[in-house]
Amino acid sequence: MKAYQKVLMIVAALSLGLLFVFPMWKIYLKAPQYPEGLELHIWVNKLGGSSESVLQNFNILNHYIGMEPIHPESFAELQFMPYIVIAFMITGVLVGLIGRRNLVLGWSGALMLAGAAGILDFYLWLVKFGTNLDPMAAIKVPGMTYIPPLLGNKQLLNFEALSLPALGSLGIFLAISLSIVTYYFTLKNNKITTAATPEKVLIS
């Protein structure tokens, strides 16, 4: 790998640091009780919101429809995900320093698999909270579930939910994109070198 390709790979790895600066995902919720809306932030290591009372207000609304209260300590993922991200950052930097093309491809593939697993886990989390309802809830609609959208907008009775990636997800996108671009450049350079070798042999 050339020097600029190594730098590009290192930048790809360090891009994951955005996950510690910005939330990964946001869920917006509008309800008659909260016409200004509520904004839940999902970070790599915590849950938060646009204000300190957001999580409490979410739980108040969830209580009426029988959903479990949301507590950050209930999610084991928030405990170990930061270490996974840090591991990807460290190994990505090492891959950039070592400069082997196959390692770049392996790192990028592993990151994509980890991202897919994270999305699946998030979806199962939404399903669990949206279907495991308290039969004694104040608001009960036979056959009704309250699974928030994984991506996009969804109407749940008089609740309007919107789920979107946040700026932290940009770190994952950049890491995957830049590592793939790095692999492409190394592959292209290898083809050019291979094509030029026979000419050197004939000249010599």
N, C-alpha and C. Protein backbone atom coordinates (compact mmCIF):
# COMPACT_ATOMS: atom_id res chain seq x y z
N MET A 1 0.83 -1.20 0.00
CA MET A 1 0.00 0.00 0.00
C MET A 1 0.86 1.25 0.00
N LYS A 2 0.42 2.24 -0.75
CA LYS A 2 1.13 3.52 -0.77
C LYS A 2 0.78 4.32 0.47
N ALA A 3 1.57 5.37 0.71
CA ALA A 3 1.42 6.14 1.94
C ALA A 3 0.01 6.75 2.06
N TYR A 4 -0.51 7.29 0.96
CA TYR A 4 -1.82 7.94 1.04
C TYR A 4 -2.92 6.91 1.29
N GLN A 5 -2.70 5.69 0.80
CA GLN A 5 -3.68 4.63 1.04
C GLN A 5 -3.68 4.21 2.51
N LYS A 6 -2.51 4.17 3.11
CA LYS A 6 -2.42 3.87 4.54
C LYS A 6 -3.11 4.95 5.37
N VAL A 7 -2.89 6.21 4.99
CA VAL A 7 -3.52 7.31 5.69
C VAL A 7 -5.04 7.23 5.55
N LEU A 8 -5.51 6.89 4.36
CA LEU A 8 -6.95 6.78 4.11
C LEU A 8 -7.57 5.69 4.98
N MET A 9 -6.85 4.58 5.13
CA MET A 9 -7.34 3.48 5.96
C MET A 9 -7.37 3.89 7.44
N ILE A 10 -6.37 4.61 7.87
CA ILE A 10 -6.33 5.07 9.26
C ILE A 10 -7.47 6.06 9.53
N VAL A 11 -7.74 6.94 8.57
CA VAL A 11 -8.85 7.88 8.70
C VAL A 11 -10.18 7.11 8.78
N ALA A 12 -10.29 6.05 7.97
CA ALA A 12 -11.50 5.21 8.01
C ALA A 12 -11.73 4.65 9.41
N ALA A 13 -10.66 4.14 10.01
CA ALA A 13 -10.77 3.57 11.36
C ALA A 13 -11.13 4.62 12.39
N LEU A 14 -10.49 5.78 12.31
CA LEU A 14 -10.73 6.83 13.29
C LEU A 14 -12.11 7.48 13.12
N SER A 15 -12.72 7.31 11.95
CA SER A 15 -14.07 7.86 11.72
C SER A 15 -15.08 7.27 12.69
N LEU A 16 -14.81 6.06 13.17
CA LEU A 16 -15.72 5.41 14.12
C LEU A 16 -15.80 6.19 15.44
N GLY A 17 -14.84 7.06 15.67
CA GLY A 17 -14.86 7.87 16.88
C GLY A 17 -16.07 8.80 16.95
N LEU A 18 -16.72 9.05 15.80
CA LEU A 18 -17.93 9.88 15.80
C LEU A 18 -19.04 9.26 16.64
N LEU A 19 -18.98 7.93 16.82
CA LEU A 19 -19.99 7.25 17.62
C LEU A 19 -19.96 7.67 19.09
N PHE A 20 -18.81 8.18 19.53
CA PHE A 20 -18.69 8.63 20.91
C PHE A 20 -18.99 10.13 21.06
N VAL A 21 -19.15 10.79 19.93
CA VAL A 21 -19.40 12.23 19.94
C VAL A 21 -20.87 12.55 19.66
N PHE A 22 -21.49 11.73 18.82
CA PHE A 22 -22.89 11.95 18.44
C PHE A 22 -23.69 10.66 18.63
N PRO A 23 -25.02 10.75 18.81
CA PRO A 23 -25.84 9.54 18.91
C PRO A 23 -25.88 8.78 17.59
N MET A 24 -26.11 7.47 17.67
CA MET A 24 -26.21 6.64 16.48
C MET A 24 -27.56 6.78 15.79
N TRP A 25 -28.61 6.88 16.62
CA TRP A 25 -29.97 6.83 16.09
C TRP A 25 -30.85 7.78 16.89
N LYS A 26 -31.92 8.26 16.26
CA LYS A 26 -32.88 9.12 16.93
C LYS A 26 -34.29 8.61 16.65
N ILE A 27 -35.12 8.63 17.68
CA ILE A 27 -36.53 8.30 17.53
C ILE A 27 -37.34 9.51 17.99
N TYR A 28 -38.11 10.07 17.06
CA TYR A 28 -38.97 11.20 17.37
C TYR A 28 -40.38 10.69 17.62
N LEU A 29 -41.03 11.24 18.61
CA LEU A 29 -42.39 10.83 18.94
C LEU A 29 -43.24 12.06 19.19
N LYS A 30 -44.37 12.12 18.47
CA LYS A 30 -45.34 13.19 18.68
C LYS A 30 -46.63 12.59 19.23
N ALA A 31 -47.19 13.25 20.22
CA ALA A 31 -48.43 12.80 20.83
C ALA A 31 -49.20 14.03 21.30
N PRO A 32 -50.52 13.88 21.47
CA PRO A 32 -51.31 15.04 21.94
C PRO A 32 -50.78 15.63 23.24
N GLN A 33 -50.24 14.75 24.11
CA GLN A 33 -49.71 15.24 25.38
C GLN A 33 -48.43 16.05 25.20
N TYR A 34 -47.71 15.78 24.10
CA TYR A 34 -46.43 16.45 23.84
C TYR A 34 -46.41 16.95 22.39
N PRO A 35 -47.17 17.99 22.10
CA PRO A 35 -47.25 18.48 20.71
C PRO A 35 -45.90 18.95 20.16
N GLU A 36 -44.99 19.34 21.05
CA GLU A 36 -43.66 19.76 20.58
C GLU A 36 -42.79 18.58 20.22
N GLY A 37 -43.22 17.38 20.62
CA GLY A 37 -42.50 16.16 20.27
C GLY A 37 -41.43 15.78 21.29
N LEU A 38 -41.10 14.51 21.29
CA LEU A 38 -40.04 13.97 22.13
C LEU A 38 -38.97 13.36 21.24
N GLU A 39 -37.74 13.48 21.64
CA GLU A 39 -36.61 13.02 20.81
C GLU A 39 -35.69 12.14 21.64
N LEU A 40 -35.76 10.83 21.37
CA LEU A 40 -34.92 9.87 22.09
C LEU A 40 -33.64 9.63 21.30
N HIS A 41 -32.49 9.76 21.97
CA HIS A 41 -31.19 9.55 21.33
C HIS A 41 -30.60 8.22 21.79
N ILE A 42 -30.18 7.42 20.84
CA ILE A 42 -29.55 6.14 21.15
C ILE A 42 -28.06 6.26 20.80
N TRP A 43 -27.23 6.23 21.83
CA TRP A 43 -25.79 6.32 21.66
C TRP A 43 -25.18 4.93 21.66
N VAL A 44 -23.90 4.86 21.41
CA VAL A 44 -23.20 3.58 21.44
C VAL A 44 -23.07 3.05 22.86
N ASN A 45 -23.21 3.94 23.85
CA ASN A 45 -23.01 3.52 25.25
C ASN A 45 -24.07 4.04 26.22
N LYS A 46 -25.11 4.70 25.70
CA LYS A 46 -26.12 5.25 26.60
C LYS A 46 -27.38 5.61 25.83
N LEU A 47 -28.43 5.93 26.59
CA LEU A 47 -29.67 6.46 26.04
C LEU A 47 -29.85 7.87 26.57
N GLY A 48 -30.35 8.75 25.75
CA GLY A 48 -30.55 10.12 26.19
C GLY A 48 -31.65 10.76 25.37
N GLY A 49 -31.63 12.07 25.33
CA GLY A 49 -32.64 12.78 24.56
C GLY A 49 -32.32 14.25 24.44
N SER A 50 -33.24 14.97 23.83
CA SER A 50 -33.04 16.40 23.63
C SER A 50 -33.12 17.18 24.95
N SER A 51 -33.67 16.53 25.99
CA SER A 51 -33.69 17.11 27.32
C SER A 51 -33.59 15.99 28.35
N GLU A 52 -33.35 16.34 29.60
CA GLU A 52 -33.16 15.34 30.63
C GLU A 52 -34.42 14.53 30.92
N SER A 53 -35.59 15.11 30.64
CA SER A 53 -36.85 14.45 30.97
C SER A 53 -37.40 13.59 29.83
N VAL A 54 -36.71 13.51 28.70
CA VAL A 54 -37.23 12.80 27.54
C VAL A 54 -37.49 11.33 27.85
N LEU A 55 -36.52 10.66 28.45
CA LEU A 55 -36.68 9.24 28.74
C LEU A 55 -37.84 9.01 29.70
N GLN A 56 -37.98 9.87 30.69
CA GLN A 56 -39.08 9.75 31.63
C GLN A 56 -40.43 9.94 30.93
N ASN A 57 -40.50 10.92 30.02
CA ASN A 57 -41.74 11.16 29.29
C ASN A 57 -42.07 10.01 28.35
N PHE A 58 -41.05 9.41 27.73
CA PHE A 58 -41.27 8.22 26.90
C PHE A 58 -41.89 7.12 27.74
N ASN A 59 -41.38 6.91 28.93
CA ASN A 59 -41.88 5.85 29.80
C ASN A 59 -43.30 6.13 30.28
N ILE A 60 -43.64 7.40 30.45
CA ILE A 60 -45.01 7.76 30.83
C ILE A 60 -45.98 7.37 29.72
N LEU A 61 -45.62 7.70 28.49
CA LEU A 61 -46.46 7.33 27.35
C LEU A 61 -46.53 5.82 27.19
N ASN A 62 -45.38 5.16 27.33
CA ASN A 62 -45.35 3.70 27.20
C ASN A 62 -46.22 3.02 28.25
N HIS A 63 -46.28 3.62 29.42
CA HIS A 63 -47.07 3.03 30.51
C HIS A 63 -48.55 2.93 30.12
N TYR A 64 -49.07 3.93 29.44
CA TYR A 64 -50.49 3.93 29.06
C TYR A 64 -50.83 2.81 28.09
N ILE A 65 -49.90 2.45 27.22
CA ILE A 65 -50.18 1.41 26.24
C ILE A 65 -49.59 0.05 26.65
N GLY A 66 -48.99 0.00 27.84
CA GLY A 66 -48.54 -1.28 28.38
C GLY A 66 -47.13 -1.70 27.99
N MET A 67 -46.34 -0.80 27.44
CA MET A 67 -44.96 -1.13 27.08
C MET A 67 -44.07 -1.10 28.32
N GLU A 68 -43.02 -1.89 28.30
CA GLU A 68 -42.07 -1.90 29.40
C GLU A 68 -41.36 -0.54 29.50
N PRO A 69 -41.02 -0.12 30.69
CA PRO A 69 -40.23 1.11 30.82
C PRO A 69 -38.83 0.91 30.24
N ILE A 70 -38.30 1.97 29.68
CA ILE A 70 -36.97 1.91 29.07
C ILE A 70 -35.94 2.38 30.08
N HIS A 71 -35.03 1.50 30.44
CA HIS A 71 -33.94 1.84 31.36
C HIS A 71 -32.62 1.49 30.69
N PRO A 72 -31.68 2.43 30.63
CA PRO A 72 -30.39 2.16 29.96
C PRO A 72 -29.67 0.93 30.50
N GLU A 73 -29.76 0.71 31.82
CA GLU A 73 -29.05 -0.43 32.41
C GLU A 73 -29.64 -1.77 32.00
N SER A 74 -30.82 -1.76 31.37
CA SER A 74 -31.45 -3.01 30.94
C SER A 74 -30.83 -3.55 29.65
N PHE A 75 -30.03 -2.74 28.99
CA PHE A 75 -29.47 -3.14 27.69
C PHE A 75 -27.98 -3.46 27.83
N ALA A 76 -27.69 -4.76 27.78
CA ALA A 76 -26.30 -5.19 27.89
C ALA A 76 -25.46 -4.66 26.72
N GLU A 77 -26.11 -4.43 25.58
CA GLU A 77 -25.39 -3.94 24.41
C GLU A 77 -24.67 -2.61 24.69
N LEU A 78 -25.29 -1.78 25.49
CA LEU A 78 -24.69 -0.48 25.78
C LEU A 78 -23.44 -0.61 26.64
N GLN A 79 -23.27 -1.78 27.25
CA GLN A 79 -22.09 -2.01 28.08
C GLN A 79 -20.89 -2.46 27.26
N PHE A 80 -21.14 -3.33 26.24
CA PHE A 80 -20.00 -3.88 25.50
C PHE A 80 -19.78 -3.27 24.12
N MET A 81 -20.78 -2.55 23.58
CA MET A 81 -20.60 -1.96 22.24
C MET A 81 -19.44 -0.97 22.16
N PRO A 82 -19.22 -0.14 23.19
CA PRO A 82 -18.07 0.78 23.10
C PRO A 82 -16.75 0.05 22.92
N TYR A 83 -16.60 -1.12 23.56
CA TYR A 83 -15.35 -1.88 23.43
C TYR A 83 -15.21 -2.47 22.02
N ILE A 84 -16.33 -2.85 21.42
CA ILE A 84 -16.29 -3.35 20.04
C ILE A 84 -15.85 -2.25 19.10
N VAL A 85 -16.40 -1.05 19.29
CA VAL A 85 -16.03 0.09 18.43
C VAL A 85 -14.55 0.42 18.60
N ILE A 86 -14.08 0.46 19.84
CA ILE A 86 -12.67 0.75 20.10
C ILE A 86 -11.78 -0.32 19.47
N ALA A 87 -12.21 -1.59 19.54
CA ALA A 87 -11.44 -2.67 18.93
C ALA A 87 -11.33 -2.49 17.42
N PHE A 88 -12.43 -2.08 16.78
CA PHE A 88 -12.40 -1.82 15.34
C PHE A 88 -11.50 -0.64 15.02
N MET A 89 -11.49 0.38 15.85
CA MET A 89 -10.63 1.54 15.62
C MET A 89 -9.16 1.14 15.71
N ILE A 90 -8.81 0.38 16.73
CA ILE A 90 -7.41 -0.03 16.93
C ILE A 90 -6.95 -0.95 15.80
N THR A 91 -7.77 -1.96 15.49
CA THR A 91 -7.38 -2.90 14.42
C THR A 91 -7.34 -2.21 13.07
N GLY A 92 -8.23 -1.24 12.86
CA GLY A 92 -8.22 -0.50 11.59
C GLY A 92 -6.95 0.31 11.42
N VAL A 93 -6.50 0.95 12.49
CA VAL A 93 -5.25 1.69 12.44
C VAL A 93 -4.08 0.74 12.17
N LEU A 94 -4.09 -0.42 12.83
CA LEU A 94 -3.02 -1.41 12.61
C LEU A 94 -3.01 -1.90 11.17
N VAL A 95 -4.21 -2.12 10.62
CA VAL A 95 -4.30 -2.55 9.21
C VAL A 95 -3.69 -1.48 8.31
N GLY A 96 -3.98 -0.21 8.62
CA GLY A 96 -3.41 0.87 7.82
C GLY A 96 -1.89 0.92 7.92
N LEU A 97 -1.36 0.68 9.11
CA LEU A 97 0.09 0.71 9.30
C LEU A 97 0.77 -0.49 8.64
N ILE A 98 0.13 -1.66 8.73
CA ILE A 98 0.70 -2.86 8.11
C ILE A 98 0.65 -2.75 6.60
N GLY A 99 -0.49 -2.24 6.08
CA GLY A 99 -0.58 -1.96 4.65
C GLY A 99 -0.82 -3.16 3.76
N ARG A 100 -1.54 -4.16 4.25
CA ARG A 100 -1.84 -5.33 3.42
C ARG A 100 -3.27 -5.24 2.91
N ARG A 101 -3.42 -5.43 1.59
CA ARG A 101 -4.71 -5.24 0.95
C ARG A 101 -5.78 -6.20 1.49
N ASN A 102 -5.44 -7.46 1.69
CA ASN A 102 -6.42 -8.43 2.16
C ASN A 102 -6.93 -8.10 3.57
N LEU A 103 -6.07 -7.51 4.37
CA LEU A 103 -6.49 -7.11 5.72
C LEU A 103 -7.51 -5.98 5.65
N VAL A 104 -7.34 -5.09 4.69
CA VAL A 104 -8.30 -3.99 4.49
C VAL A 104 -9.67 -4.56 4.17
N LEU A 105 -9.70 -5.51 3.24
CA LEU A 105 -10.97 -6.12 2.85
C LEU A 105 -11.60 -6.88 4.02
N GLY A 106 -10.78 -7.59 4.77
CA GLY A 106 -11.30 -8.33 5.92
C GLY A 106 -11.87 -7.42 6.99
N TRP A 107 -11.17 -6.31 7.25
CA TRP A 107 -11.64 -5.34 8.24
C TRP A 107 -12.96 -4.72 7.81
N SER A 108 -13.04 -4.34 6.55
CA SER A 108 -14.27 -3.73 6.03
C SER A 108 -15.44 -4.71 6.10
N GLY A 109 -15.19 -5.97 5.73
CA GLY A 109 -16.24 -6.99 5.78
C GLY A 109 -16.71 -7.25 7.20
N ALA A 110 -15.77 -7.32 8.12
CA ALA A 110 -16.13 -7.54 9.53
C ALA A 110 -16.95 -6.39 10.08
N LEU A 111 -16.61 -5.16 9.69
CA LEU A 111 -17.35 -3.99 10.15
C LEU A 111 -18.77 -4.00 9.59
N MET A 112 -18.92 -4.41 8.33
CA MET A 112 -20.25 -4.49 7.75
C MET A 112 -21.10 -5.54 8.45
N LEU A 113 -20.50 -6.66 8.78
CA LEU A 113 -21.22 -7.71 9.50
C LEU A 113 -21.63 -7.22 10.89
N ALA A 114 -20.73 -6.52 11.57
CA ALA A 114 -21.04 -5.99 12.89
C ALA A 114 -22.16 -4.96 12.80
N GLY A 115 -22.14 -4.13 11.78
CA GLY A 115 -23.20 -3.14 11.59
C GLY A 115 -24.54 -3.80 11.33
N ALA A 116 -24.54 -4.86 10.49
CA ALA A 116 -25.78 -5.59 10.21
C ALA A 116 -26.32 -6.24 11.47
N ALA A 117 -25.41 -6.81 12.29
CA ALA A 117 -25.83 -7.42 13.55
C ALA A 117 -26.42 -6.38 14.49
N GLY A 118 -25.84 -5.18 14.49
CA GLY A 118 -26.36 -4.11 15.34
C GLY A 118 -27.76 -3.67 14.92
N ILE A 119 -27.99 -3.58 13.61
CA ILE A 119 -29.31 -3.21 13.11
C ILE A 119 -30.34 -4.28 13.46
N LEU A 120 -29.95 -5.55 13.31
CA LEU A 120 -30.84 -6.65 13.66
C LEU A 120 -31.18 -6.62 15.15
N ASP A 121 -30.18 -6.38 15.97
CA ASP A 121 -30.40 -6.31 17.42
C ASP A 121 -31.34 -5.15 17.77
N PHE A 122 -31.17 -4.03 17.10
CA PHE A 122 -32.04 -2.87 17.32
C PHE A 122 -33.48 -3.19 16.95
N TYR A 123 -33.65 -3.89 15.80
CA TYR A 123 -34.99 -4.27 15.37
C TYR A 123 -35.65 -5.22 16.36
N LEU A 124 -34.90 -6.20 16.85
CA LEU A 124 -35.45 -7.14 17.83
C LEU A 124 -35.80 -6.42 19.13
N TRP A 125 -35.01 -5.41 19.46
CA TRP A 125 -35.31 -4.58 20.63
C TRP A 125 -36.63 -3.86 20.47
N LEU A 126 -36.89 -3.32 19.28
CA LEU A 126 -38.14 -2.63 19.00
C LEU A 126 -39.32 -3.59 19.06
N VAL A 127 -39.12 -4.78 18.49
CA VAL A 127 -40.19 -5.79 18.49
C VAL A 127 -40.53 -6.21 19.91
N LYS A 128 -39.50 -6.43 20.72
CA LYS A 128 -39.71 -6.85 22.11
C LYS A 128 -40.54 -5.83 22.88
N PHE A 129 -40.17 -4.57 22.76
CA PHE A 129 -40.88 -3.54 23.50
C PHE A 129 -42.26 -3.25 22.91
N GLY A 130 -42.42 -3.47 21.61
CA GLY A 130 -43.70 -3.15 20.97
C GLY A 130 -44.73 -4.25 21.04
N THR A 131 -44.32 -5.46 21.39
CA THR A 131 -45.26 -6.58 21.41
C THR A 131 -45.48 -7.17 22.81
N ASN A 132 -44.51 -6.99 23.69
CA ASN A 132 -44.63 -7.53 25.06
C ASN A 132 -45.37 -6.51 25.92
N LEU A 133 -46.70 -6.50 25.81
CA LEU A 133 -47.51 -5.47 26.42
C LEU A 133 -48.20 -5.96 27.70
N ASP A 134 -48.38 -5.05 28.61
CA ASP A 134 -49.07 -5.35 29.86
C ASP A 134 -50.57 -5.46 29.61
N PRO A 135 -51.20 -6.61 29.90
CA PRO A 135 -52.64 -6.77 29.65
C PRO A 135 -53.51 -5.85 30.50
N MET A 136 -52.93 -5.26 31.54
CA MET A 136 -53.68 -4.36 32.42
C MET A 136 -53.47 -2.89 32.04
N ALA A 137 -52.93 -2.64 30.85
CA ALA A 137 -52.65 -1.26 30.43
C ALA A 137 -53.94 -0.46 30.30
N ALA A 138 -53.82 0.85 30.48
CA ALA A 138 -55.00 1.73 30.40
C ALA A 138 -55.58 1.76 28.99
N ILE A 139 -54.71 1.71 27.99
CA ILE A 139 -55.16 1.73 26.59
C ILE A 139 -54.89 0.35 26.00
N LYS A 140 -55.97 -0.34 25.62
CA LYS A 140 -55.84 -1.67 25.04
C LYS A 140 -56.66 -1.74 23.75
N VAL A 141 -56.01 -2.17 22.68
CA VAL A 141 -56.67 -2.38 21.40
C VAL A 141 -56.39 -3.82 20.98
N PRO A 142 -57.42 -4.67 20.90
CA PRO A 142 -57.20 -6.08 20.56
C PRO A 142 -56.38 -6.24 19.28
N GLY A 143 -55.32 -7.04 19.39
CA GLY A 143 -54.48 -7.32 18.22
C GLY A 143 -53.51 -6.22 17.86
N MET A 144 -53.51 -5.13 18.60
CA MET A 144 -52.65 -3.98 18.28
C MET A 144 -51.27 -4.14 18.92
N THR A 145 -50.25 -3.90 18.14
CA THR A 145 -48.89 -3.84 18.66
C THR A 145 -48.34 -2.44 18.42
N TYR A 146 -47.27 -2.13 19.10
CA TYR A 146 -46.71 -0.78 19.03
C TYR A 146 -45.22 -0.83 18.71
N ILE A 147 -44.90 -1.48 17.61
CA ILE A 147 -43.50 -1.60 17.19
C ILE A 147 -43.09 -0.32 16.47
N PRO A 148 -42.20 0.47 17.05
CA PRO A 148 -41.74 1.68 16.36
C PRO A 148 -41.03 1.32 15.06
N PRO A 149 -41.00 2.22 14.09
CA PRO A 149 -40.33 1.91 12.82
C PRO A 149 -38.82 1.78 13.00
N LEU A 150 -38.24 0.84 12.29
CA LEU A 150 -36.78 0.74 12.28
C LEU A 150 -36.19 1.94 11.55
N LEU A 151 -36.86 2.33 10.48
CA LEU A 151 -36.44 3.48 9.67
C LEU A 151 -37.67 4.09 9.03
N GLY A 152 -37.84 5.38 9.23
CA GLY A 152 -38.97 6.06 8.61
C GLY A 152 -40.06 6.40 9.60
N ASN A 153 -41.26 6.66 9.05
CA ASN A 153 -42.38 7.16 9.83
C ASN A 153 -43.45 6.08 10.01
N LYS A 154 -44.14 6.11 11.16
CA LYS A 154 -45.20 5.14 11.42
C LYS A 154 -46.20 5.74 12.40
N GLN A 155 -47.49 5.51 12.11
CA GLN A 155 -48.55 5.98 12.98
C GLN A 155 -48.98 4.86 13.92
N LEU A 156 -48.95 5.12 15.22
CA LEU A 156 -49.34 4.15 16.23
C LEU A 156 -50.45 4.77 17.08
N LEU A 157 -51.72 4.44 16.72
CA LEU A 157 -52.87 5.10 17.32
C LEU A 157 -52.72 6.62 17.13
N ASN A 158 -52.70 7.37 18.22
CA ASN A 158 -52.54 8.82 18.08
C ASN A 158 -51.09 9.25 18.27
N PHE A 159 -50.18 8.27 18.23
CA PHE A 159 -48.75 8.57 18.32
C PHE A 159 -48.14 8.53 16.92
N GLU A 160 -47.31 9.48 16.62
CA GLU A 160 -46.58 9.49 15.36
C GLU A 160 -45.09 9.31 15.66
N ALA A 161 -44.54 8.20 15.17
CA ALA A 161 -43.14 7.87 15.45
C ALA A 161 -42.31 8.00 14.18
N LEU A 162 -41.12 8.56 14.35
CA LEU A 162 -40.17 8.72 13.24
C LEU A 162 -38.80 8.26 13.71
N SER A 163 -38.21 7.32 12.98
CA SER A 163 -36.91 6.76 13.35
C SER A 163 -35.91 7.04 12.24
N LEU A 164 -34.78 7.63 12.61
CA LEU A 164 -33.77 8.03 11.62
C LEU A 164 -32.36 7.84 12.16
N PRO A 165 -31.39 7.57 11.28
CA PRO A 165 -29.98 7.56 11.74
C PRO A 165 -29.56 8.94 12.19
N ALA A 166 -28.68 8.99 13.16
CA ALA A 166 -28.13 10.26 13.64
C ALA A 166 -26.68 10.40 13.16
N LEU A 167 -26.03 11.48 13.56
CA LEU A 167 -24.69 11.79 13.05
C LEU A 167 -23.66 10.71 13.39
N GLY A 168 -23.86 10.01 14.52
CA GLY A 168 -22.93 8.95 14.88
C GLY A 168 -22.86 7.86 13.83
N SER A 169 -23.98 7.58 13.17
CA SER A 169 -24.01 6.56 12.12
C SER A 169 -23.14 6.95 10.93
N LEU A 170 -22.92 8.25 10.78
CA LEU A 170 -22.04 8.72 9.71
C LEU A 170 -20.64 8.17 9.88
N GLY A 171 -20.23 7.95 11.13
CA GLY A 171 -18.91 7.38 11.38
C GLY A 171 -18.78 5.98 10.81
N ILE A 172 -19.83 5.17 10.96
CA ILE A 172 -19.82 3.81 10.41
C ILE A 172 -19.81 3.87 8.89
N PHE A 173 -20.65 4.75 8.32
CA PHE A 173 -20.71 4.89 6.87
C PHE A 173 -19.36 5.31 6.30
N LEU A 174 -18.72 6.28 6.93
CA LEU A 174 -17.42 6.74 6.46
C LEU A 174 -16.37 5.65 6.59
N ALA A 175 -16.40 4.92 7.70
CA ALA A 175 -15.40 3.87 7.92
C ALA A 175 -15.50 2.79 6.84
N ILE A 176 -16.72 2.36 6.54
CA ILE A 176 -16.91 1.33 5.52
C ILE A 176 -16.55 1.88 4.14
N SER A 177 -17.05 3.07 3.82
CA SER A 177 -16.82 3.65 2.50
C SER A 177 -15.34 3.89 2.23
N LEU A 178 -14.65 4.50 3.20
CA LEU A 178 -13.23 4.82 3.00
C LEU A 178 -12.37 3.56 2.94
N SER A 179 -12.73 2.55 3.71
CA SER A 179 -11.95 1.30 3.66
C SER A 179 -12.15 0.60 2.32
N ILE A 180 -13.37 0.65 1.77
CA ILE A 180 -13.62 0.05 0.45
C ILE A 180 -12.88 0.83 -0.63
N VAL A 181 -12.87 2.16 -0.51
CA VAL A 181 -12.12 2.99 -1.47
C VAL A 181 -10.63 2.66 -1.38
N THR A 182 -10.12 2.48 -0.16
CA THR A 182 -8.72 2.11 0.03
C THR A 182 -8.41 0.79 -0.66
N TYR A 183 -9.29 -0.19 -0.46
CA TYR A 183 -9.09 -1.50 -1.11
C TYR A 183 -9.11 -1.37 -2.62
N TYR A 184 -10.01 -0.55 -3.14
CA TYR A 184 -10.10 -0.35 -4.59
C TYR A 184 -8.80 0.25 -5.14
N PHE A 185 -8.26 1.25 -4.44
CA PHE A 185 -7.02 1.87 -4.89
C PHE A 185 -5.86 0.87 -4.88
N THR A 186 -5.78 0.06 -3.83
CA THR A 186 -4.70 -0.93 -3.76
C THR A 186 -4.84 -1.97 -4.84
N LEU A 187 -6.08 -2.36 -5.13
CA LEU A 187 -6.34 -3.34 -6.18
C LEU A 187 -5.97 -2.77 -7.54
N LYS A 188 -6.30 -1.51 -7.76
CA LYS A 188 -5.99 -0.85 -9.02
C LYS A 188 -4.48 -0.72 -9.20
N ASN A 189 -3.79 -0.36 -8.14
CA ASN A 189 -2.33 -0.24 -8.21
C ASN A 189 -1.68 -1.58 -8.50
N ASN A 190 -2.23 -2.65 -7.92
CA ASN A 190 -1.68 -3.98 -8.15
C ASN A 190 -1.82 -4.39 -9.61
N LYS A 191 -2.98 -4.05 -10.22
CA LYS A 191 -3.20 -4.38 -11.63
C LYS A 191 -2.23 -3.62 -12.53
N ILE A 192 -2.01 -2.34 -12.18
CA ILE A 192 -1.08 -1.52 -12.97
C ILE A 192 0.34 -2.08 -12.87
N THR A 193 0.74 -2.48 -11.67
CA THR A 193 2.08 -3.03 -11.45
C THR A 193 2.25 -4.35 -12.20
N THR A 194 1.21 -5.19 -12.15
CA THR A 194 1.26 -6.49 -12.83
C THR A 194 1.35 -6.32 -14.34
N ALA A 195 0.60 -5.34 -14.87
CA ALA A 195 0.60 -5.09 -16.31
C ALA A 195 1.93 -4.52 -16.77
N ALA A 196 2.59 -3.76 -15.91
CA ALA A 196 3.85 -3.12 -16.29
C ALA A 196 5.04 -4.06 -16.18
N THR A 197 4.96 -5.12 -15.44
CA THR A 197 6.07 -6.02 -15.21
C THR A 197 6.58 -6.68 -16.50
N PRO A 198 5.70 -7.23 -17.37
CA PRO A 198 6.21 -7.85 -18.61
C PRO A 198 6.98 -6.87 -19.49
N GLU A 199 6.57 -5.60 -19.53
CA GLU A 199 7.27 -4.62 -20.33
C GLU A 199 8.69 -4.42 -19.83
N LYS A 200 8.87 -4.42 -18.51
CA LYS A 200 10.20 -4.25 -17.94
C LYS A 200 11.09 -5.42 -18.30
N VAL A 201 10.49 -6.63 -18.31
CA VAL A 201 11.25 -7.82 -18.65
C VAL A 201 11.75 -7.77 -20.09
N LEU A 202 10.86 -7.31 -21.03
CA LEU A 202 11.23 -7.24 -22.44
C LEU A 202 12.31 -6.19 -22.65
N ILE A 203 12.19 -5.06 -21.95
CA ILE A 203 13.20 -4.01 -22.12
C ILE A 203 14.55 -4.46 -21.63
N SER A 204 14.56 -5.21 -20.52
CA SER A 204 15.84 -5.66 -19.95
C SER A 204 16.45 -6.73 -20.85
